[in-house]
């Protein structure tokens, strides 16, 4: 998948995937979504973000999980 809004730079945020070169990690955005925050709440907390940034962060996270074998704990 091609990501136009996700960037990585070893000199910024330790190479962590961020939104459009900003110091806003994809993981931060995904965490906010996971906590139940609405897009408008996220955009209010991070005014430099756009709706499309949130959508692309979700696509990026889904792809990252899909490409890995994750161990699951049995209940």
PDB file of N, CA and C in Angstrom:
ATOM      1  N   UNK A   1       0.830  -1.178   0.000  1.00  0.00           N
ATOM      2  CA  UNK A   1       0.000   0.000   0.000  1.00  0.00           C
ATOM      3  C   UNK A   1       0.878   1.246   0.000  1.00  0.00           C
ATOM      4  N   UNK A   2       0.429   2.254  -0.685  1.00  0.00           N
ATOM      5  CA  UNK A   2       1.163   3.509  -0.740  1.00  0.00           C
ATOM      6  C   UNK A   2       0.541   4.490   0.252  1.00  0.00           C
ATOM      7  N   UNK A   3       1.359   5.044   1.112  1.00  0.00           N
ATOM      8  CA  UNK A   3       0.879   5.979   2.126  1.00  0.00           C
ATOM      9  C   UNK A   3       1.460   7.362   1.854  1.00  0.00           C
ATOM     10  N   UNK A   4       0.607   8.298   1.529  1.00  0.00           N
ATOM     11  CA  UNK A   4       1.057   9.657   1.242  1.00  0.00           C
ATOM     12  C   UNK A   4       1.120  10.510   2.502  1.00  0.00           C
ATOM     13  N   UNK A   5       0.429  10.101   3.553  1.00  0.00           N
ATOM     14  CA  UNK A   5       0.333  10.901   4.774  1.00  0.00           C
ATOM     15  C   UNK A   5       1.148  10.328   5.930  1.00  0.00           C
ATOM     16  N   UNK A   6       1.743   9.162   5.743  1.00  0.00           N
ATOM     17  CA  UNK A   6       2.554   8.532   6.795  1.00  0.00           C
ATOM     18  C   UNK A   6       4.017   8.672   6.397  1.00  0.00           C
ATOM     19  N   UNK A   7       4.811   9.231   7.296  1.00  0.00           N
ATOM     20  CA  UNK A   7       6.227   9.418   7.010  1.00  0.00           C
ATOM     21  C   UNK A   7       7.073   8.835   8.137  1.00  0.00           C
ATOM     22  N   UNK A   8       8.276   8.457   7.775  1.00  0.00           N
ATOM     23  CA  UNK A   8       9.254   8.031   8.772  1.00  0.00           C
ATOM     24  C   UNK A   8      10.563   8.755   8.480  1.00  0.00           C
ATOM     25  N   UNK A   9      11.219   9.167   9.523  1.00  0.00           N
ATOM     26  CA  UNK A   9      12.485   9.874   9.402  1.00  0.00           C
ATOM     27  C   UNK A   9      13.311   9.503  10.629  1.00  0.00           C
ATOM     28  N   UNK A  10      14.448   8.845  10.408  1.00  0.00           N
ATOM     29  CA  UNK A  10      15.271   8.430  11.550  1.00  0.00           C
ATOM     30  C   UNK A  10      15.690   9.592  12.449  1.00  0.00           C
ATOM     31  N   UNK A  11      15.701  10.800  11.918  1.00  0.00           N
ATOM     32  CA  UNK A  11      16.092  11.986  12.680  1.00  0.00           C
ATOM     33  C   UNK A  11      14.920  12.616  13.437  1.00  0.00           C
ATOM     34  N   UNK A  12      13.715  12.107  13.227  1.00  0.00           N
ATOM     35  CA  UNK A  12      12.530  12.684  13.867  1.00  0.00           C
ATOM     36  C   UNK A  12      11.769  11.577  14.583  1.00  0.00           C
ATOM     37  N   UNK A  13      11.517  11.784  15.863  1.00  0.00           N
ATOM     38  CA  UNK A  13      10.741  10.843  16.672  1.00  0.00           C
ATOM     39  C   UNK A  13      11.322   9.420  16.607  1.00  0.00           C
ATOM     40  N   UNK A  14      12.639   9.330  16.481  1.00  0.00           N
ATOM     41  CA  UNK A  14      13.308   8.034  16.470  1.00  0.00           C
ATOM     42  C   UNK A  14      12.908   7.133  15.315  1.00  0.00           C
ATOM     43  N   UNK A  15      12.431   7.718  14.219  1.00  0.00           N
ATOM     44  CA  UNK A  15      12.039   6.919  13.062  1.00  0.00           C
ATOM     45  C   UNK A  15      10.644   6.353  13.157  1.00  0.00           C
ATOM     46  N   UNK A  16       9.922   6.722  14.198  1.00  0.00           N
ATOM     47  CA  UNK A  16       8.553   6.246  14.394  1.00  0.00           C
ATOM     48  C   UNK A  16       7.661   6.771  13.260  1.00  0.00           C
ATOM     49  N   UNK A  17       6.739   5.950  12.741  1.00  0.00           N
ATOM     50  CA  UNK A  17       5.813   6.439  11.715  1.00  0.00           C
ATOM     51  C   UNK A  17       4.970   7.591  12.271  1.00  0.00           C
ATOM     52  N   UNK A  18       4.975   8.705  11.540  1.00  0.00           N
ATOM     53  CA  UNK A  18       4.251   9.912  11.956  1.00  0.00           C
ATOM     54  C   UNK A  18       3.338  10.381  10.826  1.00  0.00           C
ATOM     55  N   UNK A  19       2.494  11.315  11.168  1.00  0.00           N
ATOM     56  CA  UNK A  19       1.582  11.888  10.202  1.00  0.00           C
ATOM     57  C   UNK A  19       2.259  13.058   9.490  1.00  0.00           C
ATOM     58  N   UNK A  20       2.396  12.972   8.174  1.00  0.00           N
ATOM     59  CA  UNK A  20       2.889  14.040   7.296  1.00  0.00           C
ATOM     60  C   UNK A  20       4.116  14.789   7.804  1.00  0.00           C
ATOM     61  N   UNK A  21       5.038  14.096   8.404  1.00  0.00           N
ATOM     62  CA  UNK A  21       6.256  14.741   8.884  1.00  0.00           C
ATOM     63  C   UNK A  21       6.073  15.547  10.155  1.00  0.00           C
ATOM     64  N   UNK A  22       4.875  15.546  10.679  1.00  0.00           N
ATOM     65  CA  UNK A  22       4.620  16.223  11.948  1.00  0.00           C
ATOM     66  C   UNK A  22       5.133  15.352  13.087  1.00  0.00           C
ATOM     67  N   UNK A  23       5.231  15.887  14.246  1.00  0.00           N
ATOM     68  CA  UNK A  23       5.642  15.097  15.415  1.00  0.00           C
ATOM     69  C   UNK A  23       4.408  14.493  16.083  1.00  0.00           C
ATOM     70  N   UNK A  24       3.565  13.895  15.263  1.00  0.00           N
ATOM     71  CA  UNK A  24       2.364  13.228  15.753  1.00  0.00           C
ATOM     72  C   UNK A  24       2.452  11.771  15.282  1.00  0.00           C
ATOM     73  N   UNK A  25       2.836  10.865  16.185  1.00  0.00           N
ATOM     74  CA  UNK A  25       2.976   9.458  15.799  1.00  0.00           C
ATOM     75  C   UNK A  25       1.639   8.825  15.406  1.00  0.00           C
ATOM     76  N   UNK A  26       1.718   7.938  14.448  1.00  0.00           N
ATOM     77  CA  UNK A  26       0.543   7.166  14.047  1.00  0.00           C
ATOM     78  C   UNK A  26      -0.041   6.460  15.272  1.00  0.00           C
ATOM     79  N   UNK A  27       0.813   5.925  16.124  1.00  0.00           N
ATOM     80  CA  UNK A  27       0.357   5.198  17.319  1.00  0.00           C
ATOM     81  C   UNK A  27      -0.491   6.084  18.229  1.00  0.00           C
ATOM     82  N   UNK A  28      -0.167   7.358  18.308  1.00  0.00           N
ATOM     83  CA  UNK A  28      -0.950   8.280  19.132  1.00  0.00           C
ATOM     84  C   UNK A  28      -2.354   8.418  18.578  1.00  0.00           C
ATOM     85  N   UNK A  29      -2.455   8.590  17.267  1.00  0.00           N
ATOM     86  CA  UNK A  29      -3.762   8.732  16.621  1.00  0.00           C
ATOM     87  C   UNK A  29      -4.575   7.454  16.782  1.00  0.00           C
ATOM     88  N   UNK A  30      -3.952   6.308  16.558  1.00  0.00           N
ATOM     89  CA  UNK A  30      -4.643   5.027  16.690  1.00  0.00           C
ATOM     90  C   UNK A  30      -5.109   4.824  18.122  1.00  0.00           C
ATOM     91  N   UNK A  31      -4.287   5.191  19.080  1.00  0.00           N
ATOM     92  CA  UNK A  31      -4.667   5.074  20.489  1.00  0.00           C
ATOM     93  C   UNK A  31      -5.885   5.913  20.819  1.00  0.00           C
ATOM     94  N   UNK A  32      -5.951   7.105  20.268  1.00  0.00           N
ATOM     95  CA  UNK A  32      -7.100   7.979  20.516  1.00  0.00           C
ATOM     96  C   UNK A  32      -8.377   7.377  19.930  1.00  0.00           C
ATOM     97  N   UNK A  33      -8.265   6.813  18.734  1.00  0.00           N
ATOM     98  CA  UNK A  33      -9.418   6.142  18.121  1.00  0.00           C
ATOM     99  C   UNK A  33      -9.842   4.956  18.982  1.00  0.00           C
ATOM    100  N   UNK A  34      -8.862   4.187  19.434  1.00  0.00           N
ATOM    101  CA  UNK A  34      -9.154   3.001  20.257  1.00  0.00           C
ATOM    102  C   UNK A  34      -9.829   3.374  21.569  1.00  0.00           C
ATOM    103  N   UNK A  35      -9.523   4.555  22.089  1.00  0.00           N
ATOM    104  CA  UNK A  35     -10.148   5.015  23.333  1.00  0.00           C
ATOM    105  C   UNK A  35     -11.550   5.558  23.110  1.00  0.00           C
ATOM    106  N   UNK A  36     -11.988   5.556  21.846  1.00  0.00           N
ATOM    107  CA  UNK A  36     -13.351   5.979  21.547  1.00  0.00           C
ATOM    108  C   UNK A  36     -13.503   7.444  21.185  1.00  0.00           C
ATOM    109  N   UNK A  37     -12.380   8.134  20.978  1.00  0.00           N
ATOM    110  CA  UNK A  37     -12.481   9.537  20.597  1.00  0.00           C
ATOM    111  C   UNK A  37     -13.021   9.659  19.179  1.00  0.00           C
ATOM    112  N   UNK A  38     -13.877  10.614  18.962  1.00  0.00           N
ATOM    113  CA  UNK A  38     -14.431  10.905  17.641  1.00  0.00           C
ATOM    114  C   UNK A  38     -13.407  11.722  16.860  1.00  0.00           C
ATOM    115  N   UNK A  39     -13.516  11.673  15.539  1.00  0.00           N
ATOM    116  CA  UNK A  39     -12.584  12.419  14.692  1.00  0.00           C
ATOM    117  C   UNK A  39     -12.502  13.886  15.099  1.00  0.00           C
ATOM    118  N   UNK A  40     -13.638  14.509  15.328  1.00  0.00           N
ATOM    119  CA  UNK A  40     -13.643  15.935  15.680  1.00  0.00           C
ATOM    120  C   UNK A  40     -12.890  16.206  16.984  1.00  0.00           C
ATOM    121  N   UNK A  41     -12.963  15.281  17.929  1.00  0.00           N
ATOM    122  CA  UNK A  41     -12.223  15.434  19.187  1.00  0.00           C
ATOM    123  C   UNK A  41     -10.719  15.330  18.946  1.00  0.00           C
ATOM    124  N   UNK A  42     -10.336  14.394  18.081  1.00  0.00           N
ATOM    125  CA  UNK A  42      -8.916  14.216  17.756  1.00  0.00           C
ATOM    126  C   UNK A  42      -8.397  15.454  17.036  1.00  0.00           C
ATOM    127  N   UNK A  43      -9.183  15.963  16.099  1.00  0.00           N
ATOM    128  CA  UNK A  43      -8.769  17.150  15.348  1.00  0.00           C
ATOM    129  C   UNK A  43      -8.688  18.383  16.240  1.00  0.00           C
ATOM    130  N   UNK A  44      -9.525  18.436  17.258  1.00  0.00           N
ATOM    131  CA  UNK A  44      -9.462  19.552  18.215  1.00  0.00           C
ATOM    132  C   UNK A  44      -8.190  19.444  19.062  1.00  0.00           C
ATOM    133  N   UNK A  45      -7.837  18.220  19.458  1.00  0.00           N
ATOM    134  CA  UNK A  45      -6.633  18.006  20.263  1.00  0.00           C
ATOM    135  C   UNK A  45      -5.356  18.245  19.443  1.00  0.00           C
ATOM    136  N   UNK A  46      -5.410  17.951  18.149  1.00  0.00           N
ATOM    137  CA  UNK A  46      -4.266  18.115  17.245  1.00  0.00           C
ATOM    138  C   UNK A  46      -4.729  18.890  16.010  1.00  0.00           C
ATOM    139  N   UNK A  47      -4.787  20.205  16.094  1.00  0.00           N
ATOM    140  CA  UNK A  47      -5.322  21.024  15.001  1.00  0.00           C
ATOM    141  C   UNK A  47      -4.581  20.885  13.665  1.00  0.00           C
ATOM    142  N   UNK A  48      -3.339  20.405  13.692  1.00  0.00           N
ATOM    143  CA  UNK A  48      -2.601  20.220  12.443  1.00  0.00           C
ATOM    144  C   UNK A  48      -3.064  18.987  11.662  1.00  0.00           C
ATOM    145  N   UNK A  49      -3.814  18.105  12.312  1.00  0.00           N
ATOM    146  CA  UNK A  49      -4.320  16.908  11.639  1.00  0.00           C
ATOM    147  C   UNK A  49      -5.522  17.238  10.765  1.00  0.00           C
ATOM    148  N   UNK A  50      -5.759  16.345   9.805  1.00  0.00           N
ATOM    149  CA  UNK A  50      -6.927  16.418   8.931  1.00  0.00           C
ATOM    150  C   UNK A  50      -7.651  15.079   8.997  1.00  0.00           C
ATOM    151  N   UNK A  51      -8.912  15.078   8.598  1.00  0.00           N
ATOM    152  CA  UNK A  51      -9.698  13.831   8.621  1.00  0.00           C
ATOM    153  C   UNK A  51      -8.978  12.710   7.866  1.00  0.00           C
ATOM    154  N   UNK A  52      -8.411  13.023   6.702  1.00  0.00           N
ATOM    155  CA  UNK A  52      -7.732  12.000   5.911  1.00  0.00           C
ATOM    156  C   UNK A  52      -6.515  11.421   6.628  1.00  0.00           C
ATOM    157  N   UNK A  53      -5.894  12.197   7.519  1.00  0.00           N
ATOM    158  CA  UNK A  53      -4.768  11.675   8.304  1.00  0.00           C
ATOM    159  C   UNK A  53      -5.228  10.538   9.210  1.00  0.00           C
ATOM    160  N   UNK A  54      -6.384  10.707   9.816  1.00  0.00           N
ATOM    161  CA  UNK A  54      -6.922   9.677  10.717  1.00  0.00           C
ATOM    162  C   UNK A  54      -7.241   8.419   9.933  1.00  0.00           C
ATOM    163  N   UNK A  55      -7.884   8.559   8.780  1.00  0.00           N
ATOM    164  CA  UNK A  55      -8.225   7.397   7.954  1.00  0.00           C
ATOM    165  C   UNK A  55      -6.962   6.654   7.519  1.00  0.00           C
ATOM    166  N   UNK A  56      -5.952   7.399   7.090  1.00  0.00           N
ATOM    167  CA  UNK A  56      -4.729   6.746   6.633  1.00  0.00           C
ATOM    168  C   UNK A  56      -3.983   6.089   7.790  1.00  0.00           C
ATOM    169  N   UNK A  57      -4.013   6.688   8.975  1.00  0.00           N
ATOM    170  CA  UNK A  57      -3.400   6.065  10.144  1.00  0.00           C
ATOM    171  C   UNK A  57      -4.061   4.724  10.444  1.00  0.00           C
ATOM    172  N   UNK A  58      -5.375   4.663  10.311  1.00  0.00           N
ATOM    173  CA  UNK A  58      -6.091   3.401  10.529  1.00  0.00           C
ATOM    174  C   UNK A  58      -5.719   2.363   9.472  1.00  0.00           C
ATOM    175  N   UNK A  59      -5.625   2.788   8.208  1.00  0.00           N
ATOM    176  CA  UNK A  59      -5.219   1.849   7.146  1.00  0.00           C
ATOM    177  C   UNK A  59      -3.804   1.347   7.396  1.00  0.00           C
ATOM    178  N   UNK A  60      -2.914   2.247   7.818  1.00  0.00           N
ATOM    179  CA  UNK A  60      -1.531   1.874   8.094  1.00  0.00           C
ATOM    180  C   UNK A  60      -1.464   0.852   9.226  1.00  0.00           C
ATOM    181  N   UNK A  61      -2.208   1.096  10.293  1.00  0.00           N
ATOM    182  CA  UNK A  61      -2.212   0.181  11.436  1.00  0.00           C
ATOM    183  C   UNK A  61      -2.776  -1.181  11.046  1.00  0.00           C
ATOM    184  N   UNK A  62      -3.842  -1.184  10.272  1.00  0.00           N
ATOM    185  CA  UNK A  62      -4.426  -2.454   9.831  1.00  0.00           C
ATOM    186  C   UNK A  62      -3.423  -3.240   8.996  1.00  0.00           C
ATOM    187  N   UNK A  63      -2.727  -2.554   8.125  1.00  0.00           N
ATOM    188  CA  UNK A  63      -1.724  -3.212   7.294  1.00  0.00           C
ATOM    189  C   UNK A  63      -0.571  -3.748   8.134  1.00  0.00           C
ATOM    190  N   UNK A  64      -0.133  -2.979   9.124  1.00  0.00           N
ATOM    191  CA  UNK A  64       0.977  -3.408   9.983  1.00  0.00           C
ATOM    192  C   UNK A  64       0.618  -4.670  10.753  1.00  0.00           C
ATOM    193  N   UNK A  65      -0.593  -4.753  11.234  1.00  0.00           N
ATOM    194  CA  UNK A  65      -1.026  -5.938  11.988  1.00  0.00           C
ATOM    195  C   UNK A  65      -1.195  -7.128  11.041  1.00  0.00           C
ATOM    196  N   UNK A  66      -1.708  -6.873   9.867  1.00  0.00           N
ATOM    197  CA  UNK A  66      -1.930  -7.930   8.881  1.00  0.00           C
ATOM    198  C   UNK A  66      -0.616  -8.585   8.464  1.00  0.00           C
ATOM    199  N   UNK A  67       0.460  -7.815   8.437  1.00  0.00           N
ATOM    200  CA  UNK A  67       1.743  -8.318   7.973  1.00  0.00           C
ATOM    201  C   UNK A  67       2.549  -9.037   9.027  1.00  0.00           C
ATOM    202  N   UNK A  68       2.057  -9.091  10.242  1.00  0.00           N
ATOM    203  CA  UNK A  68       2.803  -9.726  11.327  1.00  0.00           C
ATOM    204  C   UNK A  68       2.053 -10.920  11.866  1.00  0.00           C
ATOM    205  N   UNK A  69       2.817 -11.854  12.370  1.00  0.00           N
ATOM    206  CA  UNK A  69       2.221 -12.958  13.102  1.00  0.00           C
ATOM    207  C   UNK A  69       2.247 -12.568  14.575  1.00  0.00           C
ATOM    208  N   UNK A  70       1.082 -12.404  15.143  1.00  0.00           N
ATOM    209  CA  UNK A  70       0.985 -11.981  16.530  1.00  0.00           C
ATOM    210  C   UNK A  70       0.580 -13.145  17.420  1.00  0.00           C
ATOM    211  N   UNK A  71       1.322 -13.358  18.496  1.00  0.00           N
ATOM    212  CA  UNK A  71       0.934 -14.440  19.410  1.00  0.00           C
ATOM    213  C   UNK A  71      -0.327 -14.027  20.194  1.00  0.00           C
ATOM    214  N   UNK A  72      -1.264 -14.920  20.284  1.00  0.00           N
ATOM    215  CA  UNK A  72      -2.482 -14.654  21.037  1.00  0.00           C
ATOM    216  C   UNK A  72      -2.471 -15.501  22.308  1.00  0.00           C
ATOM    217  N   UNK A  73      -2.870 -14.905  23.413  1.00  0.00           N
ATOM    218  CA  UNK A  73      -2.926 -15.617  24.682  1.00  0.00           C
ATOM    219  C   UNK A  73      -4.243 -16.385  24.745  1.00  0.00           C
ATOM    220  N   UNK A  74      -4.182 -17.611  25.201  1.00  0.00           N
ATOM    221  CA  UNK A  74      -5.401 -18.393  25.365  1.00  0.00           C
ATOM    222  C   UNK A  74      -6.028 -18.075  26.718  1.00  0.00           C
ATOM    223  N   UNK A  75      -7.333 -17.945  26.695  1.00  0.00           N
ATOM    224  CA  UNK A  75      -8.042 -17.622  27.930  1.00  0.00           C
ATOM    225  C   UNK A  75      -8.229 -18.848  28.800  1.00  0.00           C
TER     226      UNK A  75
END
